[in-house]
Amino acid sequence: MVASKSLTTEQIVTRLAEAPRRITALTAGLTPAQLRTTPGVDEWSANDVLAHLRACADVWGNHVVAILAEDMPERRGVNPRTWIKSTDYLELEFEDSLRSFVAQRAELLAILDDLSPEDWSRRAKVVAYGMTNERTLLSYAEHLARHERPHLKQIAEVVESIVGRT
């Protein structure tokens, strides 16, 4: 498997800014029932995908904030699929959840927009699965930006499936 080329900080910020706008555009005009409709068995609705994106933004975004607040903080790795169980994201109405996601993303972008190259290189020790690894602020932001891309496509496919049914 060939490793993909790293994103620049500008590409990361652009992708992160794009996600809320894309979700808003893709889901405009859909009813709450449509946003909770799954295209098939064991597939996610648009609401489920948004809940997952919010959980990822919580987990990885919180690491970004901690890395900026402390020198080499020690963080516990948390799987967003585990984290979501401690939230009400899956039960929330889509529009309320989207508003929260948009606000959370605006806060993260405000932080990222002011970073120096040295800030992007700041590190944390992350303990997960019994191992300790070092991760950079850049690695968390890039992971978040890359992770959202296929989920945006997933929302588009869910919407296409739902609109095609009506």
C-alpha atoms as a PDB file:
ATOM      1  CA  MET A   1       0.000   0.000   0.000  1.00  0.00           C
ATOM      2  CA  VAL A   2       1.394   3.393  -0.979  1.00  0.00           C
ATOM      3  CA  ALA A   3       1.157   6.150   1.608  1.00  0.00           C
ATOM      4  CA  SER A   4      -0.759   9.177   0.438  1.00  0.00           C
ATOM      5  CA  LYS A   5       0.892  12.554   0.173  1.00  0.00           C
ATOM      6  CA  SER A   6       0.504  14.746   3.232  1.00  0.00           C
ATOM      7  CA  LEU A   7      -1.890  17.653   3.022  1.00  0.00           C
ATOM      8  CA  THR A   8      -0.626  21.195   3.480  1.00  0.00           C
ATOM      9  CA  THR A   9      -2.031  23.226   6.351  1.00  0.00           C
ATOM     10  CA  GLU A  10      -3.933  25.302   3.808  1.00  0.00           C
ATOM     11  CA  GLN A  11      -5.504  22.170   2.303  1.00  0.00           C
ATOM     12  CA  ILE A  12      -6.455  20.936   5.762  1.00  0.00           C
ATOM     13  CA  VAL A  13      -8.155  24.209   6.684  1.00  0.00           C
ATOM     14  CA  THR A  14      -9.929  24.332   3.321  1.00  0.00           C
ATOM     15  CA  ARG A  15     -11.251  20.782   3.671  1.00  0.00           C
ATOM     16  CA  LEU A  16     -12.368  21.379   7.249  1.00  0.00           C
ATOM     17  CA  ALA A  17     -14.176  24.560   6.225  1.00  0.00           C
ATOM     18  CA  GLU A  18     -15.821  22.779   3.301  1.00  0.00           C
ATOM     19  CA  ALA A  19     -17.455  19.965   5.289  1.00  0.00           C
ATOM     20  CA  PRO A  20     -20.245  21.920   7.059  1.00  0.00           C
ATOM     21  CA  ARG A  21     -21.107  23.810   3.856  1.00  0.00           C
ATOM     22  CA  ARG A  22     -21.235  20.581   1.861  1.00  0.00           C
ATOM     23  CA  ILE A  23     -23.458  18.826   4.411  1.00  0.00           C
ATOM     24  CA  THR A  24     -25.779  21.832   4.515  1.00  0.00           C
ATOM     25  CA  ALA A  25     -26.056  21.908   0.712  1.00  0.00           C
ATOM     26  CA  LEU A  26     -26.528  18.154   0.365  1.00  0.00           C
ATOM     27  CA  THR A  27     -29.322  17.967   2.918  1.00  0.00           C
ATOM     28  CA  ALA A  28     -31.194  21.188   2.120  1.00  0.00           C
ATOM     29  CA  GLY A  29     -34.909  20.642   1.743  1.00  0.00           C
ATOM     30  CA  LEU A  30     -34.974  17.130   3.215  1.00  0.00           C
ATOM     31  CA  THR A  31     -37.461  16.341   5.958  1.00  0.00           C
ATOM     32  CA  PRO A  32     -36.438  15.055   9.395  1.00  0.00           C
ATOM     33  CA  ALA A  33     -37.819  11.643   8.415  1.00  0.00           C
ATOM     34  CA  GLN A  34     -35.738  11.565   5.222  1.00  0.00           C
ATOM     35  CA  LEU A  35     -32.610  12.516   7.172  1.00  0.00           C
ATOM     36  CA  ARG A  36     -33.187   9.494   9.448  1.00  0.00           C
ATOM     37  CA  THR A  37     -33.884   7.086   6.571  1.00  0.00           C
ATOM     38  CA  THR A  38     -31.203   4.517   5.830  1.00  0.00           C
ATOM     39  CA  PRO A  39     -30.581   3.365   2.275  1.00  0.00           C
ATOM     40  CA  GLY A  40     -30.457  -0.277   3.388  1.00  0.00           C
ATOM     41  CA  VAL A  41     -30.024  -2.690   6.247  1.00  0.00           C
ATOM     42  CA  ASP A  42     -26.972  -1.924   8.409  1.00  0.00           C
ATOM     43  CA  GLU A  43     -26.350   1.350   6.556  1.00  0.00           C
ATOM     44  CA  TRP A  44     -26.222   4.812   8.055  1.00  0.00           C
ATOM     45  CA  SER A  45     -28.722   7.602   7.580  1.00  0.00           C
ATOM     46  CA  ALA A  46     -27.547  11.169   6.973  1.00  0.00           C
ATOM     47  CA  ASN A  47     -28.304  11.764  10.651  1.00  0.00           C
ATOM     48  CA  ASP A  48     -26.074   8.819  11.651  1.00  0.00           C
ATOM     49  CA  VAL A  49     -23.200  10.071   9.497  1.00  0.00           C
ATOM     50  CA  LEU A  50     -23.457  13.566  10.975  1.00  0.00           C
ATOM     51  CA  ALA A  51     -23.494  12.115  14.497  1.00  0.00           C
ATOM     52  CA  HIS A  52     -20.318  10.170  13.664  1.00  0.00           C
ATOM     53  CA  LEU A  53     -18.625  13.269  12.223  1.00  0.00           C
ATOM     54  CA  ARG A  54     -19.492  15.188  15.383  1.00  0.00           C
ATOM     55  CA  ALA A  55     -17.993  12.452  17.566  1.00  0.00           C
ATOM     56  CA  CYS A  56     -14.798  12.505  15.495  1.00  0.00           C
ATOM     57  CA  ALA A  57     -14.651  16.294  15.720  1.00  0.00           C
ATOM     58  CA  ASP A  58     -15.057  16.065  19.494  1.00  0.00           C
ATOM     59  CA  VAL A  59     -12.309  13.518  19.983  1.00  0.00           C
ATOM     60  CA  TRP A  60      -9.711  14.781  17.532  1.00  0.00           C
ATOM     61  CA  GLY A  61     -10.576  18.466  17.952  1.00  0.00           C
ATOM     62  CA  ASN A  62     -10.146  18.147  21.718  1.00  0.00           C
ATOM     63  CA  HIS A  63      -6.663  16.762  21.132  1.00  0.00           C
ATOM     64  CA  VAL A  64      -5.833  19.840  19.017  1.00  0.00           C
ATOM     65  CA  VAL A  65      -6.973  22.175  21.798  1.00  0.00           C
ATOM     66  CA  ALA A  66      -5.036  20.231  24.459  1.00  0.00           C
ATOM     67  CA  ILE A  67      -1.857  20.217  22.383  1.00  0.00           C
ATOM     68  CA  LEU A  68      -2.034  24.004  22.134  1.00  0.00           C
ATOM     69  CA  ALA A  69      -2.822  24.465  25.813  1.00  0.00           C
ATOM     70  CA  GLU A  70       0.015  22.351  27.216  1.00  0.00           C
ATOM     71  CA  ASP A  71       3.542  21.375  26.337  1.00  0.00           C
ATOM     72  CA  MET A  72       3.517  17.694  25.350  1.00  0.00           C
ATOM     73  CA  PRO A  73       0.269  16.756  27.098  1.00  0.00           C
ATOM     74  CA  GLU A  74      -0.425  13.106  27.774  1.00  0.00           C
ATOM     75  CA  ARG A  75      -3.776  12.196  26.247  1.00  0.00           C
ATOM     76  CA  ARG A  76      -5.843   9.057  26.321  1.00  0.00           C
ATOM     77  CA  GLY A  77      -6.759   7.836  22.875  1.00  0.00           C
ATOM     78  CA  VAL A  78     -10.523   7.548  22.455  1.00  0.00           C
ATOM     79  CA  ASN A  79     -12.288   5.871  19.578  1.00  0.00           C
ATOM     80  CA  PRO A  80     -15.043   8.152  18.220  1.00  0.00           C
ATOM     81  CA  ARG A  81     -17.326   5.110  17.893  1.00  0.00           C
ATOM     82  CA  THR A  82     -16.948   4.593  21.630  1.00  0.00           C
ATOM     83  CA  TRP A  83     -17.253   8.309  22.399  1.00  0.00           C
ATOM     84  CA  ILE A  84     -20.543   8.644  20.527  1.00  0.00           C
ATOM     85  CA  LYS A  85     -22.149   6.282  23.047  1.00  0.00           C
ATOM     86  CA  SER A  86     -21.633   8.923  25.751  1.00  0.00           C
ATOM     87  CA  THR A  87     -23.464  11.559  23.685  1.00  0.00           C
ATOM     88  CA  ASP A  88     -27.004  12.089  22.457  1.00  0.00           C
ATOM     89  CA  TYR A  89     -25.859  12.787  18.885  1.00  0.00           C
ATOM     90  CA  LEU A  90     -27.718   9.847  17.349  1.00  0.00           C
ATOM     91  CA  GLU A  91     -31.004  10.956  18.934  1.00  0.00           C
ATOM     92  CA  LEU A  92     -30.756  14.651  18.061  1.00  0.00           C
ATOM     93  CA  GLU A  93     -32.711  16.158  15.208  1.00  0.00           C
ATOM     94  CA  PHE A  94     -30.489  16.677  12.180  1.00  0.00           C
ATOM     95  CA  GLU A  95     -30.875  20.465  11.998  1.00  0.00           C
ATOM     96  CA  ASP A  96     -29.959  20.927  15.673  1.00  0.00           C
ATOM     97  CA  SER A  97     -26.985  18.621  15.299  1.00  0.00           C
ATOM     98  CA  LEU A  98     -25.860  20.381  12.116  1.00  0.00           C
ATOM     99  CA  ARG A  99     -26.027  23.775  13.848  1.00  0.00           C
ATOM    100  CA  SER A 100     -23.814  22.422  16.639  1.00  0.00           C
ATOM    101  CA  PHE A 101     -21.389  20.919  14.124  1.00  0.00           C
ATOM    102  CA  VAL A 102     -21.172  24.208  12.210  1.00  0.00           C
ATOM    103  CA  ALA A 103     -20.482  26.155  15.426  1.00  0.00           C
ATOM    104  CA  GLN A 104     -17.897  23.632  16.610  1.00  0.00           C
ATOM    105  CA  ARG A 105     -16.150  23.731  13.245  1.00  0.00           C
ATOM    106  CA  ALA A 106     -16.078  27.541  13.256  1.00  0.00           C
ATOM    107  CA  GLU A 107     -14.344  27.426  16.650  1.00  0.00           C
ATOM    108  CA  LEU A 108     -11.777  24.915  15.395  1.00  0.00           C
ATOM    109  CA  LEU A 109     -11.113  26.921  12.232  1.00  0.00           C
ATOM    110  CA  ALA A 110     -10.600  30.090  14.284  1.00  0.00           C
ATOM    111  CA  ILE A 111      -7.932  28.221  16.250  1.00  0.00           C
ATOM    112  CA  LEU A 112      -6.260  26.726  13.175  1.00  0.00           C
ATOM    113  CA  ASP A 113      -6.253  30.008  11.248  1.00  0.00           C
ATOM    114  CA  ASP A 114      -3.966  31.616  13.832  1.00  0.00           C
ATOM    115  CA  LEU A 115      -1.370  28.857  14.065  1.00  0.00           C
ATOM    116  CA  SER A 116       2.289  29.350  13.335  1.00  0.00           C
ATOM    117  CA  PRO A 117       4.307  26.575  11.665  1.00  0.00           C
ATOM    118  CA  GLU A 118       5.723  25.745  15.107  1.00  0.00           C
ATOM    119  CA  ASP A 119       2.196  25.353  16.507  1.00  0.00           C
ATOM    120  CA  TRP A 120       1.278  22.829  13.804  1.00  0.00           C
ATOM    121  CA  SER A 121       4.315  20.786  14.938  1.00  0.00           C
ATOM    122  CA  ARG A 122       3.363  20.704  18.628  1.00  0.00           C
ATOM    123  CA  ARG A 123       3.074  17.199  20.035  1.00  0.00           C
ATOM    124  CA  ALA A 124       1.186  15.086  22.528  1.00  0.00           C
ATOM    125  CA  LYS A 125       1.779  11.655  23.993  1.00  0.00           C
ATOM    126  CA  VAL A 126      -1.264   9.553  23.257  1.00  0.00           C
ATOM    127  CA  VAL A 127      -1.929   6.352  25.155  1.00  0.00           C
ATOM    128  CA  ALA A 128      -4.162   3.899  23.329  1.00  0.00           C
ATOM    129  CA  TYR A 129      -4.424   0.123  23.308  1.00  0.00           C
ATOM    130  CA  GLY A 130      -1.635  -0.122  25.892  1.00  0.00           C
ATOM    131  CA  MET A 131       0.864   1.789  23.758  1.00  0.00           C
ATOM    132  CA  THR A 132       2.137   5.354  23.899  1.00  0.00           C
ATOM    133  CA  ASN A 133       2.680   7.248  20.657  1.00  0.00           C
ATOM    134  CA  GLU A 134       3.506  10.834  19.836  1.00  0.00           C
ATOM    135  CA  ARG A 135       1.063  12.685  17.608  1.00  0.00           C
ATOM    136  CA  THR A 136       1.251  16.231  16.298  1.00  0.00           C
ATOM    137  CA  LEU A 137      -1.457  18.825  16.060  1.00  0.00           C
ATOM    138  CA  LEU A 138      -0.968  18.609  12.297  1.00  0.00           C
ATOM    139  CA  SER A 139      -1.570  14.858  12.322  1.00  0.00           C
ATOM    140  CA  TYR A 140      -4.875  15.249  14.174  1.00  0.00           C
ATOM    141  CA  ALA A 141      -6.107  18.043  11.922  1.00  0.00           C
ATOM    142  CA  GLU A 142      -5.073  16.158   8.787  1.00  0.00           C
ATOM    143  CA  HIS A 143      -6.675  12.953  10.024  1.00  0.00           C
ATOM    144  CA  LEU A 144      -9.938  14.803  10.660  1.00  0.00           C
ATOM    145  CA  ALA A 145      -9.863  16.448   7.222  1.00  0.00           C
ATOM    146  CA  ARG A 146      -9.113  13.176   5.433  1.00  0.00           C
ATOM    147  CA  HIS A 147     -11.631  11.186   7.461  1.00  0.00           C
ATOM    148  CA  GLU A 148     -14.502  13.495   6.572  1.00  0.00           C
ATOM    149  CA  ARG A 149     -14.085  13.196   2.793  1.00  0.00           C
ATOM    150  CA  PRO A 150     -15.555   9.689   2.381  1.00  0.00           C
ATOM    151  CA  HIS A 151     -18.326  10.528   4.851  1.00  0.00           C
ATOM    152  CA  LEU A 152     -19.331  13.555   2.770  1.00  0.00           C
ATOM    153  CA  LYS A 153     -19.573  11.205  -0.197  1.00  0.00           C
ATOM    154  CA  GLN A 154     -21.578   8.827   1.988  1.00  0.00           C
ATOM    155  CA  ILE A 155     -24.085  11.581   2.823  1.00  0.00           C
ATOM    156  CA  ALA A 156     -24.382  12.411  -0.884  1.00  0.00           C
ATOM    157  CA  GLU A 157     -25.094   8.740  -1.654  1.00  0.00           C
ATOM    158  CA  VAL A 158     -27.651   8.483   1.163  1.00  0.00           C
ATOM    159  CA  VAL A 159     -29.420  11.607  -0.079  1.00  0.00           C
ATOM    160  CA  GLU A 160     -29.405  10.305  -3.657  1.00  0.00           C
ATOM    161  CA  SER A 161     -30.896   7.043  -2.445  1.00  0.00           C
ATOM    162  CA  ILE A 162     -33.591   8.803  -0.419  1.00  0.00           C
ATOM    163  CA  VAL A 163     -34.503  11.356  -3.096  1.00  0.00           C
ATOM    164  CA  GLY A 164     -34.604   8.588  -5.697  1.00  0.00           C
ATOM    165  CA  ARG A 165     -37.182   6.712  -3.603  1.00  0.00           C
ATOM    166  CA  THR A 166     -39.670   9.577  -3.277  1.00  0.00           C
END
